[in-house]
mmCIF file of all heavy atoms, coordinates in Angstrom:
data_MODEL
# 
_entry.id   MODEL 
# 
loop_
_atom_site.group_PDB 
_atom_site.id 
_atom_site.type_symbol 
_atom_site.label_atom_id 
_atom_site.label_alt_id 
_atom_site.label_comp_id 
_atom_site.label_asym_id 
_atom_site.label_entity_id 
_atom_site.label_seq_id 
_atom_site.pdbx_PDB_ins_code 
_atom_site.Cartn_x 
_atom_site.Cartn_y 
_atom_site.Cartn_z 
_atom_site.occupancy 
_atom_site.B_iso_or_equiv 
_atom_site.pdbx_formal_charge 
_atom_site.auth_seq_id 
_atom_site.auth_comp_id 
_atom_site.auth_asym_id 
_atom_site.auth_atom_id 
_atom_site.pdbx_PDB_model_num 
ATOM 1   N N   . PHE A 1 1  ? 3.101   224.603 116.954 1.00 0.00 ? 1  PHE A N   1 
ATOM 2   C CA  . PHE A 1 1  ? 4.313   224.437 116.266 1.00 0.00 ? 1  PHE A CA  1 
ATOM 3   C C   . PHE A 1 1  ? 4.173   223.557 115.045 1.00 0.00 ? 1  PHE A C   1 
ATOM 4   O O   . PHE A 1 1  ? 4.555   222.327 115.134 1.00 0.00 ? 1  PHE A O   1 
ATOM 5   C CB  . PHE A 1 1  ? 5.433   223.908 117.210 1.00 0.00 ? 1  PHE A CB  1 
ATOM 6   C CG  . PHE A 1 1  ? 5.611   224.769 118.388 1.00 0.00 ? 1  PHE A CG  1 
ATOM 7   C CD1 . PHE A 1 1  ? 4.966   224.340 119.619 1.00 0.00 ? 1  PHE A CD1 1 
ATOM 8   C CD2 . PHE A 1 1  ? 6.273   225.916 118.375 1.00 0.00 ? 1  PHE A CD2 1 
ATOM 9   C CE1 . PHE A 1 1  ? 5.193   225.132 120.761 1.00 0.00 ? 1  PHE A CE1 1 
ATOM 10  C CE2 . PHE A 1 1  ? 6.498   226.671 119.472 1.00 0.00 ? 1  PHE A CE2 1 
ATOM 11  C CZ  . PHE A 1 1  ? 5.953   226.331 120.728 1.00 0.00 ? 1  PHE A CZ  1 
ATOM 12  N N   . PRO A 1 2  ? 3.763   224.001 113.892 1.00 0.00 ? 2  PRO A N   1 
ATOM 13  C CA  . PRO A 1 2  ? 3.713   223.208 112.728 1.00 0.00 ? 2  PRO A CA  1 
ATOM 14  C C   . PRO A 1 2  ? 5.003   222.584 112.249 1.00 0.00 ? 2  PRO A C   1 
ATOM 15  O O   . PRO A 1 2  ? 5.053   221.464 111.585 1.00 0.00 ? 2  PRO A O   1 
ATOM 16  C CB  . PRO A 1 2  ? 3.121   224.095 111.650 1.00 0.00 ? 2  PRO A CB  1 
ATOM 17  C CG  . PRO A 1 2  ? 3.412   225.494 112.172 1.00 0.00 ? 2  PRO A CG  1 
ATOM 18  C CD  . PRO A 1 2  ? 3.308   225.371 113.638 1.00 0.00 ? 2  PRO A CD  1 
ATOM 19  N N   . SER A 1 3  ? 6.102   223.268 112.653 1.00 0.00 ? 3  SER A N   1 
ATOM 20  C CA  . SER A 1 3  ? 7.458   222.760 112.202 1.00 0.00 ? 3  SER A CA  1 
ATOM 21  C C   . SER A 1 3  ? 7.803   221.475 112.871 1.00 0.00 ? 3  SER A C   1 
ATOM 22  O O   . SER A 1 3  ? 8.799   220.813 112.445 1.00 0.00 ? 3  SER A O   1 
ATOM 23  C CB  . SER A 1 3  ? 8.545   223.787 112.483 1.00 0.00 ? 3  SER A CB  1 
ATOM 24  O OG  . SER A 1 3  ? 8.515   224.107 113.939 1.00 0.00 ? 3  SER A OG  1 
ATOM 25  N N   . LEU A 1 4  ? 7.089   221.030 113.890 1.00 0.00 ? 4  LEU A N   1 
ATOM 26  C CA  . LEU A 1 4  ? 7.402   219.738 114.588 1.00 0.00 ? 4  LEU A CA  1 
ATOM 27  C C   . LEU A 1 4  ? 6.882   218.563 113.824 1.00 0.00 ? 4  LEU A C   1 
ATOM 28  O O   . LEU A 1 4  ? 7.013   217.461 114.284 1.00 0.00 ? 4  LEU A O   1 
ATOM 29  C CB  . LEU A 1 4  ? 6.771   219.797 116.015 1.00 0.00 ? 4  LEU A CB  1 
ATOM 30  C CG  . LEU A 1 4  ? 7.420   220.687 116.981 1.00 0.00 ? 4  LEU A CG  1 
ATOM 31  C CD1 . LEU A 1 4  ? 6.786   220.703 118.392 1.00 0.00 ? 4  LEU A CD1 1 
ATOM 32  C CD2 . LEU A 1 4  ? 9.003   220.284 117.217 1.00 0.00 ? 4  LEU A CD2 1 
ATOM 33  N N   . GLY A 1 5  ? 6.124   218.790 112.743 1.00 0.00 ? 5  GLY A N   1 
ATOM 34  C CA  . GLY A 1 5  ? 5.739   217.674 111.934 1.00 0.00 ? 5  GLY A CA  1 
ATOM 35  C C   . GLY A 1 5  ? 4.770   216.867 112.558 1.00 0.00 ? 5  GLY A C   1 
ATOM 36  O O   . GLY A 1 5  ? 3.609   217.290 113.001 1.00 0.00 ? 5  GLY A O   1 
ATOM 37  N N   . ILE A 1 6  ? 5.124   215.483 112.725 1.00 0.00 ? 6  ILE A N   1 
ATOM 38  C CA  . ILE A 1 6  ? 4.238   214.502 113.236 1.00 0.00 ? 6  ILE A CA  1 
ATOM 39  C C   . ILE A 1 6  ? 3.804   214.806 114.687 1.00 0.00 ? 6  ILE A C   1 
ATOM 40  O O   . ILE A 1 6  ? 2.637   214.487 115.091 1.00 0.00 ? 6  ILE A O   1 
ATOM 41  C CB  . ILE A 1 6  ? 4.764   213.048 113.135 1.00 0.00 ? 6  ILE A CB  1 
ATOM 42  C CG1 . ILE A 1 6  ? 3.666   212.024 113.452 1.00 0.00 ? 6  ILE A CG1 1 
ATOM 43  C CG2 . ILE A 1 6  ? 5.964   212.935 114.071 1.00 0.00 ? 6  ILE A CG2 1 
ATOM 44  C CD1 . ILE A 1 6  ? 4.222   210.656 113.124 1.00 0.00 ? 6  ILE A CD1 1 
ATOM 45  N N   . LEU A 1 7  ? 4.666   215.419 115.441 1.00 0.00 ? 7  LEU A N   1 
ATOM 46  C CA  . LEU A 1 7  ? 4.352   215.835 116.854 1.00 0.00 ? 7  LEU A CA  1 
ATOM 47  C C   . LEU A 1 7  ? 3.211   216.837 116.832 1.00 0.00 ? 7  LEU A C   1 
ATOM 48  O O   . LEU A 1 7  ? 2.264   216.781 117.705 1.00 0.00 ? 7  LEU A O   1 
ATOM 49  C CB  . LEU A 1 7  ? 5.521   216.288 117.629 1.00 0.00 ? 7  LEU A CB  1 
ATOM 50  C CG  . LEU A 1 7  ? 6.646   215.266 117.875 1.00 0.00 ? 7  LEU A CG  1 
ATOM 51  C CD1 . LEU A 1 7  ? 7.787   216.018 118.582 1.00 0.00 ? 7  LEU A CD1 1 
ATOM 52  C CD2 . LEU A 1 7  ? 6.149   214.214 118.761 1.00 0.00 ? 7  LEU A CD2 1 
ATOM 53  N N   . SER A 1 8  ? 3.288   217.782 115.918 1.00 0.00 ? 8  SER A N   1 
ATOM 54  C CA  . SER A 1 8  ? 2.215   218.840 115.821 1.00 0.00 ? 8  SER A CA  1 
ATOM 55  C C   . SER A 1 8  ? 0.907   218.136 115.305 1.00 0.00 ? 8  SER A C   1 
ATOM 56  O O   . SER A 1 8  ? -0.161  218.491 115.737 1.00 0.00 ? 8  SER A O   1 
ATOM 57  C CB  . SER A 1 8  ? 2.642   219.929 114.922 1.00 0.00 ? 8  SER A CB  1 
ATOM 58  O OG  . SER A 1 8  ? 1.577   220.817 114.764 1.00 0.00 ? 8  SER A OG  1 
ATOM 59  N N   . ARG A 1 9  ? 1.049   217.249 114.342 1.00 0.00 ? 9  ARG A N   1 
ATOM 60  C CA  . ARG A 1 9  ? -0.131  216.541 113.784 1.00 0.00 ? 9  ARG A CA  1 
ATOM 61  C C   . ARG A 1 9  ? -0.797  215.642 114.832 1.00 0.00 ? 9  ARG A C   1 
ATOM 62  O O   . ARG A 1 9  ? -2.069  215.425 114.733 1.00 0.00 ? 9  ARG A O   1 
ATOM 63  C CB  . ARG A 1 9  ? 0.301   215.722 112.594 1.00 0.00 ? 9  ARG A CB  1 
ATOM 64  C CG  . ARG A 1 9  ? 0.806   216.484 111.421 1.00 0.00 ? 9  ARG A CG  1 
ATOM 65  C CD  . ARG A 1 9  ? 1.164   215.568 110.250 1.00 0.00 ? 9  ARG A CD  1 
ATOM 66  N NE  . ARG A 1 9  ? 0.032   214.712 109.814 1.00 0.00 ? 9  ARG A NE  1 
ATOM 67  C CZ  . ARG A 1 9  ? 0.201   213.565 109.291 1.00 0.00 ? 9  ARG A CZ  1 
ATOM 68  N NH1 . ARG A 1 9  ? 1.450   213.047 109.030 1.00 0.00 ? 9  ARG A NH1 1 
ATOM 69  N NH2 . ARG A 1 9  ? -0.853  212.898 108.876 1.00 0.00 ? 9  ARG A NH2 1 
ATOM 70  N N   . LEU A 1 10 ? -0.090  215.135 115.813 1.00 0.00 ? 10 LEU A N   1 
ATOM 71  C CA  . LEU A 1 10 ? -0.794  214.425 116.856 1.00 0.00 ? 10 LEU A CA  1 
ATOM 72  C C   . LEU A 1 10 ? -1.824  215.237 117.619 1.00 0.00 ? 10 LEU A C   1 
ATOM 73  O O   . LEU A 1 10 ? -2.830  214.702 118.037 1.00 0.00 ? 10 LEU A O   1 
ATOM 74  C CB  . LEU A 1 10 ? 0.293   214.027 117.946 1.00 0.00 ? 10 LEU A CB  1 
ATOM 75  C CG  . LEU A 1 10 ? 1.180   212.789 117.711 1.00 0.00 ? 10 LEU A CG  1 
ATOM 76  C CD1 . LEU A 1 10 ? 2.235   212.710 118.691 1.00 0.00 ? 10 LEU A CD1 1 
ATOM 77  C CD2 . LEU A 1 10 ? 0.350   211.523 117.577 1.00 0.00 ? 10 LEU A CD2 1 
ATOM 78  N N   . ALA A 1 11 ? -1.687  216.562 117.656 1.00 0.00 ? 11 ALA A N   1 
ATOM 79  C CA  . ALA A 1 11 ? -2.670  217.421 118.321 1.00 0.00 ? 11 ALA A CA  1 
ATOM 80  C C   . ALA A 1 11 ? -3.695  217.974 117.487 1.00 0.00 ? 11 ALA A C   1 
ATOM 81  O O   . ALA A 1 11 ? -4.586  218.721 117.946 1.00 0.00 ? 11 ALA A O   1 
ATOM 82  C CB  . ALA A 1 11 ? -1.876  218.600 119.006 1.00 0.00 ? 11 ALA A CB  1 
ATOM 83  N N   . ASP A 1 12 ? -3.682  217.625 116.194 1.00 0.00 ? 12 ASP A N   1 
ATOM 84  C CA  . ASP A 1 12 ? -4.622  218.161 115.202 1.00 0.00 ? 12 ASP A CA  1 
ATOM 85  C C   . ASP A 1 12 ? -5.845  217.340 115.042 1.00 0.00 ? 12 ASP A C   1 
ATOM 86  O O   . ASP A 1 12 ? -5.696  216.194 114.700 1.00 0.00 ? 12 ASP A O   1 
ATOM 87  C CB  . ASP A 1 12 ? -3.928  218.347 113.845 1.00 0.00 ? 12 ASP A CB  1 
ATOM 88  C CG  . ASP A 1 12 ? -4.616  219.449 112.979 1.00 0.00 ? 12 ASP A CG  1 
ATOM 89  O OD1 . ASP A 1 12 ? -5.894  219.455 112.947 1.00 0.00 ? 12 ASP A OD1 1 
ATOM 90  O OD2 . ASP A 1 12 ? -3.884  220.214 112.396 1.00 0.00 ? 12 ASP A OD2 1 
ATOM 91  N N   . HIS A 1 13 ? -7.045  217.934 115.240 1.00 0.00 ? 13 HIS A N   1 
ATOM 92  C CA  . HIS A 1 13 ? -8.330  217.242 115.053 1.00 0.00 ? 13 HIS A CA  1 
ATOM 93  C C   . HIS A 1 13 ? -8.745  217.180 113.648 1.00 0.00 ? 13 HIS A C   1 
ATOM 94  O O   . HIS A 1 13 ? -9.716  216.414 113.314 1.00 0.00 ? 13 HIS A O   1 
ATOM 95  C CB  . HIS A 1 13 ? -9.413  217.873 115.957 1.00 0.00 ? 13 HIS A CB  1 
ATOM 96  C CG  . HIS A 1 13 ? -9.063  217.683 117.400 1.00 0.00 ? 13 HIS A CG  1 
ATOM 97  N ND1 . HIS A 1 13 ? -9.434  216.512 118.111 1.00 0.00 ? 13 HIS A ND1 1 
ATOM 98  C CD2 . HIS A 1 13 ? -8.677  218.587 118.311 1.00 0.00 ? 13 HIS A CD2 1 
ATOM 99  C CE1 . HIS A 1 13 ? -9.128  216.741 119.339 1.00 0.00 ? 13 HIS A CE1 1 
ATOM 100 N NE2 . HIS A 1 13 ? -8.615  217.924 119.556 1.00 0.00 ? 13 HIS A NE2 1 
ATOM 101 N N   . SER A 1 14 ? -8.200  218.011 112.766 1.00 0.00 ? 14 SER A N   1 
ATOM 102 C CA  . SER A 1 14 ? -8.680  218.079 111.391 1.00 0.00 ? 14 SER A CA  1 
ATOM 103 C C   . SER A 1 14 ? -8.283  216.796 110.597 1.00 0.00 ? 14 SER A C   1 
ATOM 104 O O   . SER A 1 14 ? -7.148  216.342 110.831 1.00 0.00 ? 14 SER A O   1 
ATOM 105 C CB  . SER A 1 14 ? -8.173  219.278 110.634 1.00 0.00 ? 14 SER A CB  1 
ATOM 106 O OG  . SER A 1 14 ? -6.790  219.314 110.440 1.00 0.00 ? 14 SER A OG  1 
ATOM 107 N N   . LEU A 1 15 ? -9.203  216.372 109.699 1.00 0.00 ? 15 LEU A N   1 
ATOM 108 C CA  . LEU A 1 15 ? -8.885  215.196 108.875 1.00 0.00 ? 15 LEU A CA  1 
ATOM 109 C C   . LEU A 1 15 ? -7.745  215.502 107.811 1.00 0.00 ? 15 LEU A C   1 
ATOM 110 O O   . LEU A 1 15 ? -7.081  214.633 107.343 1.00 0.00 ? 15 LEU A O   1 
ATOM 111 C CB  . LEU A 1 15 ? -10.135 214.713 108.143 1.00 0.00 ? 15 LEU A CB  1 
ATOM 112 C CG  . LEU A 1 15 ? -11.215 214.259 109.053 1.00 0.00 ? 15 LEU A CG  1 
ATOM 113 C CD1 . LEU A 1 15 ? -12.430 213.811 108.265 1.00 0.00 ? 15 LEU A CD1 1 
ATOM 114 C CD2 . LEU A 1 15 ? -10.739 213.123 110.003 1.00 0.00 ? 15 LEU A CD2 1 
ATOM 115 N N   . GLU A 1 16 ? -7.630  216.844 107.567 1.00 0.00 ? 16 GLU A N   1 
ATOM 116 C CA  . GLU A 1 16 ? -6.645  217.161 106.557 1.00 0.00 ? 16 GLU A CA  1 
ATOM 117 C C   . GLU A 1 16 ? -5.248  217.092 107.111 1.00 0.00 ? 16 GLU A C   1 
ATOM 118 O O   . GLU A 1 16 ? -4.291  216.686 106.399 1.00 0.00 ? 16 GLU A O   1 
ATOM 119 C CB  . GLU A 1 16 ? -6.885  218.638 105.998 1.00 0.00 ? 16 GLU A CB  1 
ATOM 120 C CG  . GLU A 1 16 ? -8.203  218.830 105.333 1.00 0.00 ? 16 GLU A CG  1 
ATOM 121 C CD  . GLU A 1 16 ? -9.448  218.844 106.213 1.00 0.00 ? 16 GLU A CD  1 
ATOM 122 O OE1 . GLU A 1 16 ? -9.239  219.153 107.364 1.00 0.00 ? 16 GLU A OE1 1 
ATOM 123 O OE2 . GLU A 1 16 ? -10.565 218.659 105.702 1.00 0.00 ? 16 GLU A OE2 1 
ATOM 124 N N   . ASN A 1 17 ? -5.028  217.542 108.343 1.00 0.00 ? 17 ASN A N   1 
ATOM 125 C CA  . ASN A 1 17 ? -3.714  217.622 108.877 1.00 0.00 ? 17 ASN A CA  1 
ATOM 126 C C   . ASN A 1 17 ? -3.461  216.635 110.000 1.00 0.00 ? 17 ASN A C   1 
ATOM 127 O O   . ASN A 1 17 ? -2.264  216.332 110.395 1.00 0.00 ? 17 ASN A O   1 
ATOM 128 C CB  . ASN A 1 17 ? -3.409  219.014 109.361 1.00 0.00 ? 17 ASN A CB  1 
ATOM 129 C CG  . ASN A 1 17 ? -3.524  220.062 108.356 1.00 0.00 ? 17 ASN A CG  1 
ATOM 130 O OD1 . ASN A 1 17 ? -3.010  219.913 107.232 1.00 0.00 ? 17 ASN A OD1 1 
ATOM 131 N ND2 . ASN A 1 17 ? -4.223  221.137 108.632 1.00 0.00 ? 17 ASN A ND2 1 
ATOM 132 N N   . GLY A 1 18 ? -4.525  216.091 110.766 1.00 0.00 ? 18 GLY A N   1 
ATOM 133 C CA  . GLY A 1 18 ? -4.282  215.259 111.728 1.00 0.00 ? 18 GLY A CA  1 
ATOM 134 C C   . GLY A 1 18 ? -3.962  213.786 111.284 1.00 0.00 ? 18 GLY A C   1 
ATOM 135 O O   . GLY A 1 18 ? -3.935  213.478 110.095 1.00 0.00 ? 18 GLY A O   1 
ATOM 136 N N   . ILE A 1 19 ? -3.690  212.929 112.237 1.00 0.00 ? 19 ILE A N   1 
ATOM 137 C CA  . ILE A 1 19 ? -3.335  211.504 111.918 1.00 0.00 ? 19 ILE A CA  1 
ATOM 138 C C   . ILE A 1 19 ? -4.592  210.732 112.120 1.00 0.00 ? 19 ILE A C   1 
ATOM 139 O O   . ILE A 1 19 ? -5.113  210.408 113.176 1.00 0.00 ? 19 ILE A O   1 
ATOM 140 C CB  . ILE A 1 19 ? -2.281  210.932 112.929 1.00 0.00 ? 19 ILE A CB  1 
ATOM 141 C CG1 . ILE A 1 19 ? -1.028  211.887 112.800 1.00 0.00 ? 19 ILE A CG1 1 
ATOM 142 C CG2 . ILE A 1 19 ? -1.971  209.532 112.549 1.00 0.00 ? 19 ILE A CG2 1 
ATOM 143 C CD1 . ILE A 1 19 ? 0.034   211.411 113.783 1.00 0.00 ? 19 ILE A CD1 1 
ATOM 144 N N   . VAL A 1 20 ? -5.214  210.322 110.938 1.00 0.00 ? 20 VAL A N   1 
ATOM 145 C CA  . VAL A 1 20 ? -6.462  209.689 110.886 1.00 0.00 ? 20 VAL A CA  1 
ATOM 146 C C   . VAL A 1 20 ? -6.269  208.187 111.278 1.00 0.00 ? 20 VAL A C   1 
ATOM 147 O O   . VAL A 1 20 ? -5.486  207.521 110.657 1.00 0.00 ? 20 VAL A O   1 
ATOM 148 C CB  . VAL A 1 20 ? -7.121  209.706 109.524 1.00 0.00 ? 20 VAL A CB  1 
ATOM 149 C CG1 . VAL A 1 20 ? -8.452  209.022 109.432 1.00 0.00 ? 20 VAL A CG1 1 
ATOM 150 C CG2 . VAL A 1 20 ? -7.393  211.220 109.150 1.00 0.00 ? 20 VAL A CG2 1 
ATOM 151 N N   . ILE A 1 21 ? -7.092  207.646 112.181 1.00 0.00 ? 21 ILE A N   1 
ATOM 152 C CA  . ILE A 1 21 ? -7.021  206.248 112.585 1.00 0.00 ? 21 ILE A CA  1 
ATOM 153 C C   . ILE A 1 21 ? -8.192  205.482 112.204 1.00 0.00 ? 21 ILE A C   1 
ATOM 154 O O   . ILE A 1 21 ? -8.161  204.169 112.060 1.00 0.00 ? 21 ILE A O   1 
ATOM 155 C CB  . ILE A 1 21 ? -6.690  206.125 114.105 1.00 0.00 ? 21 ILE A CB  1 
ATOM 156 C CG1 . ILE A 1 21 ? -7.791  206.891 114.913 1.00 0.00 ? 21 ILE A CG1 1 
ATOM 157 C CG2 . ILE A 1 21 ? -5.326  206.623 114.441 1.00 0.00 ? 21 ILE A CG2 1 
ATOM 158 C CD1 . ILE A 1 21 ? -7.603  206.709 116.463 1.00 0.00 ? 21 ILE A CD1 1 
ATOM 159 N N   . LEU A 1 22 ? -9.409  206.125 112.140 1.00 0.00 ? 22 LEU A N   1 
ATOM 160 C CA  . LEU A 1 22 ? -10.639 205.507 111.763 1.00 0.00 ? 22 LEU A CA  1 
ATOM 161 C C   . LEU A 1 22 ? -11.426 206.477 110.912 1.00 0.00 ? 22 LEU A C   1 
ATOM 162 O O   . LEU A 1 22 ? -11.156 207.650 110.895 1.00 0.00 ? 22 LEU A O   1 
ATOM 163 C CB  . LEU A 1 22 ? -11.426 205.083 113.008 1.00 0.00 ? 22 LEU A CB  1 
ATOM 164 C CG  . LEU A 1 22 ? -10.919 203.944 113.813 1.00 0.00 ? 22 LEU A CG  1 
ATOM 165 C CD1 . LEU A 1 22 ? -11.694 203.782 115.190 1.00 0.00 ? 22 LEU A CD1 1 
ATOM 166 C CD2 . LEU A 1 22 ? -10.968 202.617 113.085 1.00 0.00 ? 22 LEU A CD2 1 
ATOM 167 N N   . PRO A 1 23 ? -12.490 205.980 110.169 1.00 0.00 ? 23 PRO A N   1 
ATOM 168 C CA  . PRO A 1 23 ? -13.250 207.003 109.351 1.00 0.00 ? 23 PRO A CA  1 
ATOM 169 C C   . PRO A 1 23 ? -13.745 208.247 110.123 1.00 0.00 ? 23 PRO A C   1 
ATOM 170 O O   . PRO A 1 23 ? -14.547 208.140 110.952 1.00 0.00 ? 23 PRO A O   1 
ATOM 171 C CB  . PRO A 1 23 ? -14.416 206.072 108.841 1.00 0.00 ? 23 PRO A CB  1 
ATOM 172 C CG  . PRO A 1 23 ? -13.939 204.735 108.914 1.00 0.00 ? 23 PRO A CG  1 
ATOM 173 C CD  . PRO A 1 23 ? -12.972 204.659 110.141 1.00 0.00 ? 23 PRO A CD  1 
ATOM 174 N N   . GLY A 1 24 ? -13.140 209.348 109.818 1.00 0.00 ? 24 GLY A N   1 
ATOM 175 C CA  . GLY A 1 24 ? -13.582 210.628 110.402 1.00 0.00 ? 24 GLY A CA  1 
ATOM 176 C C   . GLY A 1 24 ? -12.898 210.933 111.727 1.00 0.00 ? 24 GLY A C   1 
ATOM 177 O O   . GLY A 1 24 ? -13.180 211.905 112.424 1.00 0.00 ? 24 GLY A O   1 
ATOM 178 N N   . MET A 1 25 ? -12.002 210.086 112.211 1.00 0.00 ? 25 MET A N   1 
ATOM 179 C CA  . MET A 1 25 ? -11.376 210.159 113.499 1.00 0.00 ? 25 MET A CA  1 
ATOM 180 C C   . MET A 1 25 ? -9.877  210.251 113.539 1.00 0.00 ? 25 MET A C   1 
ATOM 181 O O   . MET A 1 25 ? -9.237  209.399 112.896 1.00 0.00 ? 25 MET A O   1 
ATOM 182 C CB  . MET A 1 25 ? -11.865 209.015 114.389 1.00 0.00 ? 25 MET A CB  1 
ATOM 183 C CG  . MET A 1 25 ? -11.481 209.035 115.882 1.00 0.00 ? 25 MET A CG  1 
ATOM 184 S SD  . MET A 1 25 ? -12.087 207.577 116.792 1.00 0.00 ? 25 MET A SD  1 
ATOM 185 C CE  . MET A 1 25 ? -11.833 208.189 118.500 1.00 0.00 ? 25 MET A CE  1 
ATOM 186 N N   . THR A 1 26 ? -9.385  211.184 114.189 1.00 0.00 ? 26 THR A N   1 
ATOM 187 C CA  . THR A 1 26 ? -7.851  211.330 114.321 1.00 0.00 ? 26 THR A CA  1 
ATOM 188 C C   . THR A 1 26 ? -7.435  210.835 115.754 1.00 0.00 ? 26 THR A C   1 
ATOM 189 O O   . THR A 1 26 ? -8.252  210.634 116.627 1.00 0.00 ? 26 THR A O   1 
ATOM 190 C CB  . THR A 1 26 ? -7.388  212.772 114.138 1.00 0.00 ? 26 THR A CB  1 
ATOM 191 O OG1 . THR A 1 26 ? -7.948  213.581 115.220 1.00 0.00 ? 26 THR A OG1 1 
ATOM 192 C CG2 . THR A 1 26 ? -7.882  213.344 112.787 1.00 0.00 ? 26 THR A CG2 1 
ATOM 193 N N   . ILE A 1 27 ? -6.122  210.665 115.931 1.00 0.00 ? 27 ILE A N   1 
ATOM 194 C CA  . ILE A 1 27 ? -5.585  210.309 117.217 1.00 0.00 ? 27 ILE A CA  1 
ATOM 195 C C   . ILE A 1 27 ? -6.007  211.271 118.264 1.00 0.00 ? 27 ILE A C   1 
ATOM 196 O O   . ILE A 1 27 ? -6.423  210.889 119.421 1.00 0.00 ? 27 ILE A O   1 
ATOM 197 C CB  . ILE A 1 27 ? -4.075  210.166 117.133 1.00 0.00 ? 27 ILE A CB  1 
ATOM 198 C CG1 . ILE A 1 27 ? -3.616  208.945 116.397 1.00 0.00 ? 27 ILE A CG1 1 
ATOM 199 C CG2 . ILE A 1 27 ? -3.420  210.180 118.583 1.00 0.00 ? 27 ILE A CG2 1 
ATOM 200 C CD1 . ILE A 1 27 ? -2.129  208.653 116.298 1.00 0.00 ? 27 ILE A CD1 1 
ATOM 201 N N   . ALA A 1 28 ? -5.891  212.613 117.971 1.00 0.00 ? 28 ALA A N   1 
ATOM 202 C CA  . ALA A 1 28 ? -6.357  213.592 118.944 1.00 0.00 ? 28 ALA A CA  1 
ATOM 203 C C   . ALA A 1 28 ? -7.768  213.443 119.390 1.00 0.00 ? 28 ALA A C   1 
ATOM 204 O O   . ALA A 1 28 ? -8.085  213.835 120.530 1.00 0.00 ? 28 ALA A O   1 
ATOM 205 C CB  . ALA A 1 28 ? -6.070  215.026 118.351 1.00 0.00 ? 28 ALA A CB  1 
# 
């Protein structure tokens, strides 16, 4: 569900769309 915005981004492993927390690493 991309329409959920940040909730959907929480589940995204990609650096382009996910939430990046460290170099090369997303929350997911």
